[in-house]
Amino acid sequence: MPQHAQNTRVCRDCDGFATAAITTGTRHTDGTRSTLRVTCPSCQGTGRTLPASFARTGR
């Protein structure tokens, strides 16, 4: 019988790849590249989203 995959709420802005390493083009003295770590602003680097809650208006 087939296995069912779990439904995980993946961030729609980053598709689950919440952190990216971007090279600056410069190198350190030991020869390694200088990188910046950038996280997704929508999910704050978690890669997942919270379920939408209902907005209550009025009373």
Protein backbone atom coordinates (compact mmCIF):
# COMPACT_ATOMS: atom_id res chain seq x y z
CA MET A 1 0.00 0.00 0.00
CA PRO A 2 1.28 3.49 -0.78
CA GLN A 3 2.57 5.74 1.94
CA HIS A 4 0.87 9.07 2.35
CA ALA A 5 3.05 12.14 2.62
CA GLN A 6 2.41 14.54 5.47
CA ASN A 7 1.06 17.94 4.57
CA THR A 8 3.61 20.43 5.81
CA ARG A 9 2.98 24.11 5.41
CA VAL A 10 5.90 25.32 3.33
CA CYS A 11 6.53 29.03 3.05
CA ARG A 12 5.26 30.25 -0.30
CA ASP A 13 7.93 32.93 -0.60
CA CYS A 14 11.02 30.74 -0.18
CA ASP A 15 9.57 27.25 -0.95
CA GLY A 16 11.15 25.87 2.22
CA PHE A 17 14.68 27.12 1.46
CA ALA A 18 14.64 29.64 4.27
CA THR A 19 18.34 30.53 4.42
CA ALA A 20 20.66 31.30 1.52
CA ALA A 21 24.41 31.88 1.51
CA ILE A 22 25.46 34.64 -0.86
CA THR A 23 29.10 35.14 -1.78
CA THR A 24 30.38 38.70 -1.72
CA GLY A 25 33.19 38.08 -4.21
CA THR A 26 35.95 38.71 -1.69
CA ARG A 27 38.14 36.15 0.03
CA HIS A 28 39.52 35.83 3.54
CA THR A 29 43.26 35.62 4.15
CA ASP A 30 43.08 31.82 4.31
CA GLY A 31 41.47 31.67 0.82
CA THR A 32 37.89 30.92 1.82
CA ARG A 33 35.09 32.98 0.36
CA SER A 34 33.33 35.65 2.33
CA THR A 35 29.60 34.87 2.49
CA LEU A 36 26.44 36.47 3.85
CA ARG A 37 23.61 34.42 5.34
CA VAL A 38 20.21 35.79 4.36
CA THR A 39 16.96 34.48 5.83
CA CYS A 40 13.47 34.70 4.41
CA PRO A 41 11.62 37.71 5.88
CA SER A 42 8.21 36.02 5.64
CA CYS A 43 8.93 32.92 7.72
CA GLN A 44 11.92 34.33 9.67
CA GLY A 45 14.16 31.49 8.51
CA THR A 46 11.98 28.54 9.53
CA GLY A 47 10.82 27.50 6.05
CA ARG A 48 7.30 26.90 7.29
CA THR A 49 4.23 29.03 7.73
CA LEU A 50 1.64 29.09 10.44
CA PRO A 51 -1.95 28.25 9.54
CA ALA A 52 -4.01 31.29 8.72
CA SER A 53 -6.35 32.32 11.48
CA PHE A 54 -9.76 33.75 10.90
CA ALA A 55 -10.05 37.49 11.26
CA ARG A 56 -12.89 38.47 13.50
CA THR A 57 -14.58 41.76 12.74
CA GLY A 58 -17.26 43.45 14.74
CA ARG A 59 -18.53 41.89 17.93
